[in-house]
PDB file of N, CA and C in Angstrom:
ATOM      1  N   MET A   1      73.656  62.243 113.929  1.00  0.00           N
ATOM      2  CA  MET A   1      75.285  63.046 113.579  1.00  0.00           C
ATOM      3  C   MET A   1      75.310  62.502 112.282  1.00  0.00           C
ATOM      4  N   GLU A   2      75.433  63.893 111.375  1.00  0.00           N
ATOM      5  CA  GLU A   2      75.571  64.318 109.865  1.00  0.00           C
ATOM      6  C   GLU A   2      77.348  63.386 109.977  1.00  0.00           C
ATOM      7  N   GLU A   3      77.643  63.124 108.627  1.00  0.00           N
ATOM      8  CA  GLU A   3      78.911  62.267 108.491  1.00  0.00           C
ATOM      9  C   GLU A   3      79.871  63.578 107.958  1.00  0.00           C
ATOM     10  N   SER A   4      79.642  64.619 108.248  1.00  0.00           N
ATOM     11  CA  SER A   4      80.959  65.697 108.239  1.00  0.00           C
ATOM     12  C   SER A   4      81.116  65.666 109.562  1.00  0.00           C
ATOM     13  N   GLU A   5      80.160  65.844 110.847  1.00  0.00           N
ATOM     14  CA  GLU A   5      80.469  66.012 112.366  1.00  0.00           C
ATOM     15  C   GLU A   5      80.749  64.506 112.759  1.00  0.00           C
ATOM     16  N   ALA A   6      80.936  63.238 112.145  1.00  0.00           N
ATOM     17  CA  ALA A   6      81.580  62.375 112.762  1.00  0.00           C
ATOM     18  C   ALA A   6      82.863  62.513 113.346  1.00  0.00           C
ATOM     19  N   PRO A   7      83.106  61.767 114.460  1.00  0.00           N
ATOM     20  CA  PRO A   7      84.370  61.982 115.088  1.00  0.00           C
ATOM     21  C   PRO A   7      85.184  61.293 114.004  1.00  0.00           C
ATOM     22  N   ASN A   8      86.475  61.194 113.814  1.00  0.00           N
ATOM     23  CA  ASN A   8      87.398  61.033 112.910  1.00  0.00           C
ATOM     24  C   ASN A   8      88.521  59.624 114.284  1.00  0.00           C
ATOM     25  N   ILE A   9      87.771  58.759 113.835  1.00  0.00           N
ATOM     26  CA  ILE A   9      87.914  57.235 114.733  1.00  0.00           C
ATOM     27  C   ILE A   9      88.723  56.116 114.813  1.00  0.00           C
ATOM     28  N   LYS A  10      89.475  56.185 115.212  1.00  0.00           N
ATOM     29  CA  LYS A  10      91.002  54.871 114.445  1.00  0.00           C
ATOM     30  C   LYS A  10      91.397  53.682 115.721  1.00  0.00           C
ATOM     31  N   GLN A  11      91.945  52.787 115.154  1.00  0.00           N
ATOM     32  CA  GLN A  11      92.605  51.936 116.480  1.00  0.00           C
ATOM     33  C   GLN A  11      94.096  51.716 115.870  1.00  0.00           C
ATOM     34  N   VAL A  12      95.402  51.705 116.801  1.00  0.00           N
ATOM     35  CA  VAL A  12      96.601  51.403 116.506  1.00  0.00           C
ATOM     36  C   VAL A  12      97.062  50.439 117.135  1.00  0.00           C
ATOM     37  N   ILE A  13      97.372  49.408 116.456  1.00  0.00           N
ATOM     38  CA  ILE A  13      98.514  48.120 116.632  1.00  0.00           C
ATOM     39  C   ILE A  13      99.843  48.912 116.855  1.00  0.00           C
ATOM     40  N   VAL A  14     100.344  48.859 118.068  1.00  0.00           N
ATOM     41  CA  VAL A  14     102.037  48.815 118.095  1.00  0.00           C
ATOM     42  C   VAL A  14     102.506  47.566 118.157  1.00  0.00           C
ATOM     43  N   MET A  15     103.693  47.177 117.117  1.00  0.00           N
ATOM     44  CA  MET A  15     104.145  45.833 117.338  1.00  0.00           C
ATOM     45  C   MET A  15     105.330  45.541 117.641  1.00  0.00           C
ATOM     46  N   ARG A  16     106.011  44.871 118.378  1.00  0.00           N
ATOM     47  CA  ARG A  16     107.639  45.334 118.364  1.00  0.00           C
ATOM     48  C   ARG A  16     108.149  44.404 117.197  1.00  0.00           C
ATOM     49  N   HIS A  17     108.938  45.262 116.172  1.00  0.00           N
ATOM     50  CA  HIS A  17     109.628  44.879 115.371  1.00  0.00           C
ATOM     51  C   HIS A  17     110.499  43.594 115.191  1.00  0.00           C
ATOM     52  N   ASP A  18     111.134  44.323 116.559  1.00  0.00           N
ATOM     53  CA  ASP A  18     112.336  43.145 116.735  1.00  0.00           C
ATOM     54  C   ASP A  18     112.392  41.721 116.984  1.00  0.00           C
ATOM     55  N   LEU A  19     110.902  41.333 117.113  1.00  0.00           N
ATOM     56  CA  LEU A  19     110.522  39.773 117.384  1.00  0.00           C
ATOM     57  C   LEU A  19     110.034  39.125 116.216  1.00  0.00           C
ATOM     58  N   LYS A  20     110.251  39.677 114.967  1.00  0.00           N
ATOM     59  CA  LYS A  20     110.072  38.987 113.622  1.00  0.00           C
ATOM     60  C   LYS A  20     108.974  38.034 114.004  1.00  0.00           C
ATOM     61  N   ILE A  21     107.793  38.432 113.855  1.00  0.00           N
ATOM     62  CA  ILE A  21     106.166  37.725 114.658  1.00  0.00           C
ATOM     63  C   ILE A  21     106.318  37.078 113.002  1.00  0.00           C
ATOM     64  N   ARG A  22     105.071  36.076 112.986  1.00  0.00           N
ATOM     65  CA  ARG A  22     104.694  35.617 111.974  1.00  0.00           C
ATOM     66  C   ARG A  22     103.265  36.203 111.871  1.00  0.00           C
ATOM     67  N   ARG A  23     102.735  36.542 110.799  1.00  0.00           N
ATOM     68  CA  ARG A  23     101.392  37.240 110.446  1.00  0.00           C
ATOM     69  C   ARG A  23     100.280  36.622 109.967  1.00  0.00           C
ATOM     70  N   SER A  24      99.181  36.417 110.729  1.00  0.00           N
ATOM     71  CA  SER A  24      97.808  35.596 110.139  1.00  0.00           C
ATOM     72  C   SER A  24      96.729  36.519 109.468  1.00  0.00           C
ATOM     73  N   ASN A  25      96.143  36.100 108.745  1.00  0.00           N
ATOM     74  CA  ASN A  25      95.092  37.043 108.136  1.00  0.00           C
ATOM     75  C   ASN A  25      93.805  37.289 109.124  1.00  0.00           C
ATOM     76  N   ALA A  26      93.407  38.279 109.723  1.00  0.00           N
ATOM     77  CA  ALA A  26      91.990  38.400 110.190  1.00  0.00           C
ATOM     78  C   ALA A  26      91.328  39.341 109.522  1.00  0.00           C
ATOM     79  N   GLN A  27      90.900  38.768 108.707  1.00  0.00           N
ATOM     80  CA  GLN A  27      89.531  38.807 107.734  1.00  0.00           C
ATOM     81  C   GLN A  27      88.539  39.801 109.070  1.00  0.00           C
ATOM     82  N   ALA A  28      87.973  39.253 109.407  1.00  0.00           N
ATOM     83  CA  ALA A  28      87.070  40.097 110.648  1.00  0.00           C
ATOM     84  C   ALA A  28      87.347  41.272 111.069  1.00  0.00           C
ATOM     85  N   TRP A  29      88.637  41.444 111.715  1.00  0.00           N
ATOM     86  CA  TRP A  29      89.218  42.981 112.204  1.00  0.00           C
ATOM     87  C   TRP A  29      89.130  43.527 111.056  1.00  0.00           C
ATOM     88  N   ILE A  30      89.825  43.003 109.733  1.00  0.00           N
ATOM     89  CA  ILE A  30      90.270  44.474 108.694  1.00  0.00           C
ATOM     90  C   ILE A  30      89.209  44.764 108.438  1.00  0.00           C
ATOM     91  N   THR A  31      87.818  44.020 107.899  1.00  0.00           N
ATOM     92  CA  THR A  31      87.060  44.693 107.544  1.00  0.00           C
ATOM     93  C   THR A  31      85.793  45.940 108.766  1.00  0.00           C
ATOM     94  N   GLY A  32      86.176  46.040 109.574  1.00  0.00           N
ATOM     95  CA  GLY A  32      85.499  46.660 110.764  1.00  0.00           C
ATOM     96  C   GLY A  32      85.391  48.045 110.212  1.00  0.00           C
ATOM     97  N   SER A  33      84.649  48.801 111.329  1.00  0.00           N
ATOM     98  CA  SER A  33      84.175  50.024 110.659  1.00  0.00           C
ATOM     99  C   SER A  33      84.621  51.365 110.542  1.00  0.00           C
ATOM    100  N   PHE A  34      86.197  51.361 111.106  1.00  0.00           N
ATOM    101  CA  PHE A  34      87.501  52.179 111.710  1.00  0.00           C
ATOM    102  C   PHE A  34      88.776  52.079 111.077  1.00  0.00           C
ATOM    103  N   ALA A  35      89.410  53.118 110.699  1.00  0.00           N
ATOM    104  CA  ALA A  35      90.724  52.455 110.480  1.00  0.00           C
ATOM    105  C   ALA A  35      91.466  52.219 111.560  1.00  0.00           C
ATOM    106  N   LYS A  36      92.261  51.246 111.012  1.00  0.00           N
ATOM    107  CA  LYS A  36      92.961  50.143 111.568  1.00  0.00           C
ATOM    108  C   LYS A  36      94.712  49.864 111.433  1.00  0.00           C
ATOM    109  N   VAL A  37      95.568  50.732 112.013  1.00  0.00           N
ATOM    110  CA  VAL A  37      97.040  51.389 111.743  1.00  0.00           C
ATOM    111  C   VAL A  37      97.917  50.397 112.487  1.00  0.00           C
ATOM    112  N   CYS A  38      98.851  49.488 111.597  1.00  0.00           N
ATOM    113  CA  CYS A  38      99.917  49.158 112.384  1.00  0.00           C
ATOM    114  C   CYS A  38     101.021  50.005 112.065  1.00  0.00           C
ATOM    115  N   VAL A  39     101.780  49.642 113.638  1.00  0.00           N
ATOM    116  CA  VAL A  39     103.612  50.421 113.371  1.00  0.00           C
ATOM    117  C   VAL A  39     103.794  49.465 114.448  1.00  0.00           C
ATOM    118  N   ARG A  40     105.256  50.077 114.295  1.00  0.00           N
ATOM    119  CA  ARG A  40     106.345  49.105 115.108  1.00  0.00           C
ATOM    120  C   ARG A  40     107.467  49.913 115.912  1.00  0.00           C
ATOM    121  N   CYS A  41     107.335  49.438 117.086  1.00  0.00           N
ATOM    122  CA  CYS A  41     108.312  50.110 117.999  1.00  0.00           C
ATOM    123  C   CYS A  41     109.654  48.988 117.879  1.00  0.00           C
ATOM    124  N   ASN A  42     110.769  49.622 118.637  1.00  0.00           N
ATOM    125  CA  ASN A  42     111.784  48.393 118.596  1.00  0.00           C
ATOM    126  C   ASN A  42     112.272  47.812 119.852  1.00  0.00           C
ATOM    127  N   GLY A  43     110.834  47.787 120.629  1.00  0.00           N
ATOM    128  CA  GLY A  43     111.409  46.894 121.912  1.00  0.00           C
ATOM    129  C   GLY A  43     110.676  46.839 122.719  1.00  0.00           C
ATOM    130  N   GLU A  44     110.763  45.948 123.618  1.00  0.00           N
ATOM    131  CA  GLU A  44     109.767  45.682 124.989  1.00  0.00           C
ATOM    132  C   GLU A  44     109.739  47.273 125.673  1.00  0.00           C
ATOM    133  N   GLU A  45     111.055  47.555 125.577  1.00  0.00           N
ATOM    134  CA  GLU A  45     111.115  48.934 126.988  1.00  0.00           C
ATOM    135  C   GLU A  45     110.158  50.122 126.113  1.00  0.00           C
ATOM    136  N   GLU A  46     110.670  50.140 124.897  1.00  0.00           N
ATOM    137  CA  GLU A  46     109.588  51.374 124.229  1.00  0.00           C
ATOM    138  C   GLU A  46     107.764  50.981 124.122  1.00  0.00           C
ATOM    139  N   LEU A  47     107.626  49.768 123.745  1.00  0.00           N
ATOM    140  CA  LEU A  47     106.631  49.117 123.845  1.00  0.00           C
ATOM    141  C   LEU A  47     105.582  49.618 125.354  1.00  0.00           C
ATOM    142  N   MET A  48     106.740  49.273 126.237  1.00  0.00           N
ATOM    143  CA  MET A  48     105.974  49.790 127.698  1.00  0.00           C
ATOM    144  C   MET A  48     105.813  50.830 128.069  1.00  0.00           C
ATOM    145  N   ALA A  49     106.870  51.981 127.315  1.00  0.00           N
ATOM    146  CA  ALA A  49     106.438  53.277 127.512  1.00  0.00           C
ATOM    147  C   ALA A  49     105.266  53.962 126.709  1.00  0.00           C
ATOM    148  N   ILE A  50     104.747  53.242 125.567  1.00  0.00           N
ATOM    149  CA  ILE A  50     103.786  53.858 124.807  1.00  0.00           C
ATOM    150  C   ILE A  50     102.301  53.532 125.490  1.00  0.00           C
ATOM    151  N   ASN A  51     102.613  51.700 125.893  1.00  0.00           N
ATOM    152  CA  ASN A  51     101.330  51.506 127.030  1.00  0.00           C
ATOM    153  C   ASN A  51     101.455  52.746 127.541  1.00  0.00           C
ATOM    154  N   ASP A  52     102.171  52.784 128.818  1.00  0.00           N
ATOM    155  CA  ASP A  52     101.653  53.944 129.885  1.00  0.00           C
ATOM    156  C   ASP A  52     101.418  55.181 129.369  1.00  0.00           C
ATOM    157  N   LYS A  53     101.943  55.205 128.586  1.00  0.00           N
ATOM    158  CA  LYS A  53     101.245  56.939 127.850  1.00  0.00           C
ATOM    159  C   LYS A  53     100.268  56.795 127.700  1.00  0.00           C
ATOM    160  N   ALA A  54      99.934  55.829 127.386  1.00  0.00           N
ATOM    161  CA  ALA A  54      98.325  56.049 126.514  1.00  0.00           C
ATOM    162  C   ALA A  54      97.275  55.906 127.610  1.00  0.00           C
ATOM    163  N   ILE A  55      97.762  54.953 128.246  1.00  0.00           N
ATOM    164  CA  ILE A  55      96.932  54.634 129.744  1.00  0.00           C
ATOM    165  C   ILE A  55      96.943  56.102 130.732  1.00  0.00           C
ATOM    166  N   GLU A  56      98.160  57.061 130.366  1.00  0.00           N
ATOM    167  CA  GLU A  56      97.614  58.015 131.324  1.00  0.00           C
ATOM    168  C   GLU A  56      97.026  59.041 130.741  1.00  0.00           C
ATOM    169  N   LEU A  57      96.893  58.552 129.260  1.00  0.00           N
ATOM    170  CA  LEU A  57      95.796  59.727 128.515  1.00  0.00           C
ATOM    171  C   LEU A  57      94.434  59.029 128.906  1.00  0.00           C
ATOM    172  N   GLY A  58      94.210  58.111 129.239  1.00  0.00           N
ATOM    173  CA  GLY A  58      92.833  57.440 129.254  1.00  0.00           C
ATOM    174  C   GLY A  58      92.629  56.848 128.273  1.00  0.00           C
ATOM    175  N   LEU A  59      93.232  56.227 127.255  1.00  0.00           N
ATOM    176  CA  LEU A  59      93.145  55.637 126.248  1.00  0.00           C
ATOM    177  C   LEU A  59      92.400  54.410 126.666  1.00  0.00           C
ATOM    178  N   GLU A  60      92.188  53.064 125.890  1.00  0.00           N
ATOM    179  CA  GLU A  60      91.406  52.323 125.906  1.00  0.00           C
ATOM    180  C   GLU A  60      92.699  51.268 125.588  1.00  0.00           C
ATOM    181  N   VAL A  61      93.511  50.492 126.391  1.00  0.00           N
ATOM    182  CA  VAL A  61      94.689  49.843 126.437  1.00  0.00           C
ATOM    183  C   VAL A  61      94.525  48.173 126.086  1.00  0.00           C
ATOM    184  N   HIS A  62      95.297  47.618 125.326  1.00  0.00           N
ATOM    185  CA  HIS A  62      95.212  46.259 125.909  1.00  0.00           C
ATOM    186  C   HIS A  62      97.014  46.157 125.364  1.00  0.00           C
ATOM    187  N   LEU A  63      97.668  45.265 126.382  1.00  0.00           N
ATOM    188  CA  LEU A  63      98.846  44.775 126.533  1.00  0.00           C
ATOM    189  C   LEU A  63      98.701  43.391 125.691  1.00  0.00           C
ATOM    190  N   ILE A  64      99.304  42.952 124.557  1.00  0.00           N
ATOM    191  CA  ILE A  64      99.075  41.221 124.312  1.00  0.00           C
ATOM    192  C   ILE A  64     100.925  40.607 125.011  1.00  0.00           C
ATOM    193  N   THR A  65     100.031  39.821 125.617  1.00  0.00           N
ATOM    194  CA  THR A  65     101.586  38.738 126.294  1.00  0.00           C
ATOM    195  C   THR A  65     101.227  37.543 125.401  1.00  0.00           C
ATOM    196  N   ASP A  66     101.993  37.101 124.448  1.00  0.00           N
ATOM    197  CA  ASP A  66     102.050  35.746 123.535  1.00  0.00           C
ATOM    198  C   ASP A  66     102.814  34.597 124.843  1.00  0.00           C
ATOM    199  N   SER A  67     102.001  33.374 124.704  1.00  0.00           N
ATOM    200  CA  SER A  67     102.304  32.709 125.247  1.00  0.00           C
ATOM    201  C   SER A  67     103.458  31.519 125.478  1.00  0.00           C
ATOM    202  N   GLY A  68     104.180  31.862 124.200  1.00  0.00           N
ATOM    203  CA  GLY A  68     105.208  31.049 123.656  1.00  0.00           C
ATOM    204  C   GLY A  68     105.117  29.854 123.623  1.00  0.00           C
ATOM    205  N   ARG A  69     104.189  29.234 123.233  1.00  0.00           N
ATOM    206  CA  ARG A  69     103.674  28.090 123.021  1.00  0.00           C
ATOM    207  C   ARG A  69     103.936  27.767 121.554  1.00  0.00           C
ATOM    208  N   THR A  70     103.829  28.507 121.054  1.00  0.00           N
ATOM    209  CA  THR A  70     104.563  28.428 118.765  1.00  0.00           C
ATOM    210  C   THR A  70     105.918  29.411 118.477  1.00  0.00           C
ATOM    211  N   GLU A  71     106.244  30.249 119.511  1.00  0.00           N
ATOM    212  CA  GLU A  71     107.005  31.160 118.939  1.00  0.00           C
ATOM    213  C   GLU A  71     107.848  31.348 120.058  1.00  0.00           C
ATOM    214  N   PHE A  72     109.270  31.910 120.264  1.00  0.00           N
ATOM    215  CA  PHE A  72     110.037  32.374 121.691  1.00  0.00           C
ATOM    216  C   PHE A  72     110.210  31.313 122.390  1.00  0.00           C
ATOM    217  N   HIS A  73     110.005  29.970 122.316  1.00  0.00           N
ATOM    218  CA  HIS A  73     110.316  28.886 122.620  1.00  0.00           C
ATOM    219  C   HIS A  73     110.409  28.625 124.141  1.00  0.00           C
ATOM    220  N   GLY A  74     108.666  28.835 123.556  1.00  0.00           N
ATOM    221  CA  GLY A  74     108.381  28.999 125.559  1.00  0.00           C
ATOM    222  C   GLY A  74     107.920  29.749 126.432  1.00  0.00           C
ATOM    223  N   GLN A  75     108.729  30.896 126.029  1.00  0.00           N
ATOM    224  CA  GLN A  75     108.965  31.807 126.978  1.00  0.00           C
ATOM    225  C   GLN A  75     107.863  33.340 126.600  1.00  0.00           C
ATOM    226  N   PRO A  76     106.546  33.353 127.860  1.00  0.00           N
ATOM    227  CA  PRO A  76     105.895  33.970 127.650  1.00  0.00           C
ATOM    228  C   PRO A  76     106.691  35.462 127.420  1.00  0.00           C
ATOM    229  N   THR A  77     105.524  36.419 125.888  1.00  0.00           N
ATOM    230  CA  THR A  77     106.527  37.715 125.444  1.00  0.00           C
ATOM    231  C   THR A  77     105.724  38.415 125.292  1.00  0.00           C
ATOM    232  N   ARG A  78     105.842  39.591 125.855  1.00  0.00           N
ATOM    233  CA  ARG A  78     104.947  41.177 125.282  1.00  0.00           C
ATOM    234  C   ARG A  78     105.537  41.453 124.213  1.00  0.00           C
ATOM    235  N   THR A  79     104.292  41.159 123.175  1.00  0.00           N
ATOM    236  CA  THR A  79     104.782  41.337 121.578  1.00  0.00           C
ATOM    237  C   THR A  79     103.739  42.438 120.990  1.00  0.00           C
ATOM    238  N   CYS A  80     102.491  42.979 121.538  1.00  0.00           N
ATOM    239  CA  CYS A  80     102.216  44.019 120.824  1.00  0.00           C
ATOM    240  C   CYS A  80     101.065  44.767 122.150  1.00  0.00           C
ATOM    241  N   LEU A  81     100.600  45.858 121.780  1.00  0.00           N
ATOM    242  CA  LEU A  81      99.402  46.389 122.268  1.00  0.00           C
ATOM    243  C   LEU A  81      98.585  47.081 120.655  1.00  0.00           C
ATOM    244  N   ALA A  82      97.290  47.238 121.630  1.00  0.00           N
ATOM    245  CA  ALA A  82      96.098  47.963 120.718  1.00  0.00           C
ATOM    246  C   ALA A  82      96.056  48.986 121.629  1.00  0.00           C
ATOM    247  N   ILE A  83      95.507  50.139 121.259  1.00  0.00           N
ATOM    248  CA  ILE A  83      94.491  51.357 121.364  1.00  0.00           C
ATOM    249  C   ILE A  83      93.706  52.118 120.615  1.00  0.00           C
ATOM    250  N   GLY A  84      92.665  52.193 121.561  1.00  0.00           N
ATOM    251  CA  GLY A  84      91.479  52.519 120.996  1.00  0.00           C
ATOM    252  C   GLY A  84      90.583  50.913 120.952  1.00  0.00           C
ATOM    253  N   PRO A  85      89.920  51.332 119.945  1.00  0.00           N
ATOM    254  CA  PRO A  85      89.088  52.607 118.701  1.00  0.00           C
ATOM    255  C   PRO A  85      89.261  53.718 120.175  1.00  0.00           C
ATOM    256  N   ASP A  86      89.377  55.255 119.231  1.00  0.00           N
ATOM    257  CA  ASP A  86      89.111  56.404 120.020  1.00  0.00           C
ATOM    258  C   ASP A  86      89.497  57.475 119.107  1.00  0.00           C
ATOM    259  N   ASP A  87      89.258  58.589 119.676  1.00  0.00           N
ATOM    260  CA  ASP A  87      89.509  59.765 118.834  1.00  0.00           C
ATOM    261  C   ASP A  87      90.918  59.704 117.797  1.00  0.00           C
ATOM    262  N   ALA A  88      91.377  59.642 116.582  1.00  0.00           N
ATOM    263  CA  ALA A  88      93.018  59.639 116.323  1.00  0.00           C
ATOM    264  C   ALA A  88      93.697  60.799 116.433  1.00  0.00           C
ATOM    265  N   SER A  89      93.403  61.924 116.892  1.00  0.00           N
ATOM    266  CA  SER A  89      94.427  62.960 117.241  1.00  0.00           C
ATOM    267  C   SER A  89      94.714  62.649 119.025  1.00  0.00           C
ATOM    268  N   THR A  90      94.139  61.782 119.390  1.00  0.00           N
ATOM    269  CA  THR A  90      94.116  61.694 121.140  1.00  0.00           C
ATOM    270  C   THR A  90      95.145  60.633 120.666  1.00  0.00           C
ATOM    271  N   ILE A  91      94.893  59.396 120.024  1.00  0.00           N
ATOM    272  CA  ILE A  91      95.527  58.081 119.536  1.00  0.00           C
ATOM    273  C   ILE A  91      97.096  58.981 119.152  1.00  0.00           C
ATOM    274  N   ASP A  92      97.176  59.708 118.432  1.00  0.00           N
ATOM    275  CA  ASP A  92      98.535  60.332 117.779  1.00  0.00           C
ATOM    276  C   ASP A  92      99.672  61.223 118.408  1.00  0.00           C
ATOM    277  N   GLN A  93      98.896  61.077 119.446  1.00  0.00           N
ATOM    278  CA  GLN A  93      99.804  61.936 120.544  1.00  0.00           C
ATOM    279  C   GLN A  93     100.567  60.833 121.265  1.00  0.00           C
ATOM    280  N   VAL A  94     100.829  59.390 121.069  1.00  0.00           N
ATOM    281  CA  VAL A  94     100.579  58.732 122.062  1.00  0.00           C
ATOM    282  C   VAL A  94     102.243  57.747 120.644  1.00  0.00           C
ATOM    283  N   THR A  95     100.987  57.430 119.426  1.00  0.00           N
ATOM    284  CA  THR A  95     101.647  56.661 118.510  1.00  0.00           C
ATOM    285  C   THR A  95     101.852  57.164 117.104  1.00  0.00           C
ATOM    286  N   GLY A  96     101.695  58.794 117.017  1.00  0.00           N
ATOM    287  CA  GLY A  96     102.491  59.637 115.259  1.00  0.00           C
ATOM    288  C   GLY A  96     103.627  59.626 115.008  1.00  0.00           C
ATOM    289  N   HIS A  97     104.260  59.118 116.104  1.00  0.00           N
ATOM    290  CA  HIS A  97     105.595  59.488 115.779  1.00  0.00           C
ATOM    291  C   HIS A  97     106.461  57.903 115.205  1.00  0.00           C
ATOM    292  N   LEU A  98     105.711  57.156 114.987  1.00  0.00           N
ATOM    293  CA  LEU A  98     106.209  55.833 115.164  1.00  0.00           C
ATOM    294  C   LEU A  98     105.991  55.089 113.307  1.00  0.00           C
ATOM    295  N   GLU A  99     106.643  54.433 112.971  1.00  0.00           N
ATOM    296  CA  GLU A  99     106.952  54.244 111.539  1.00  0.00           C
ATOM    297  C   GLU A  99     105.733  52.958 111.637  1.00  0.00           C
ATOM    298  N   LEU A 100     105.298  53.115 110.127  1.00  0.00           N
ATOM    299  CA  LEU A 100     103.953  51.896 109.827  1.00  0.00           C
ATOM    300  C   LEU A 100     104.952  50.538 109.417  1.00  0.00           C
ATOM    301  N   LEU A 101     104.001  49.784 109.825  1.00  0.00           N
ATOM    302  CA  LEU A 101     104.332  48.211 109.389  1.00  0.00           C
ATOM    303  C   LEU A 101     105.096  47.889 108.563  1.00  0.00           C
TER     304      LEU A 101
END
């Protein structure tokens, strides 16, 4: 496949902005070969709606539940989800309206 024919592939990470989670440096993830975009949603209800829509479209989705050991006072908490990598136009149907983190 020539470069001009290559599909436009990306991955989007949707993170709950209301939790104020500390971020760490993930160099291996950052240096991968596709676009990575971090966007924000306003809470668990919106996070789960995005999760459900992505699944409905057949996208690869990974919902992350933090164990709560270092944050959230020991309470397991749904913090973010990863969508893709997949075709950017399909992912945009689910996350295109969200603000960048």
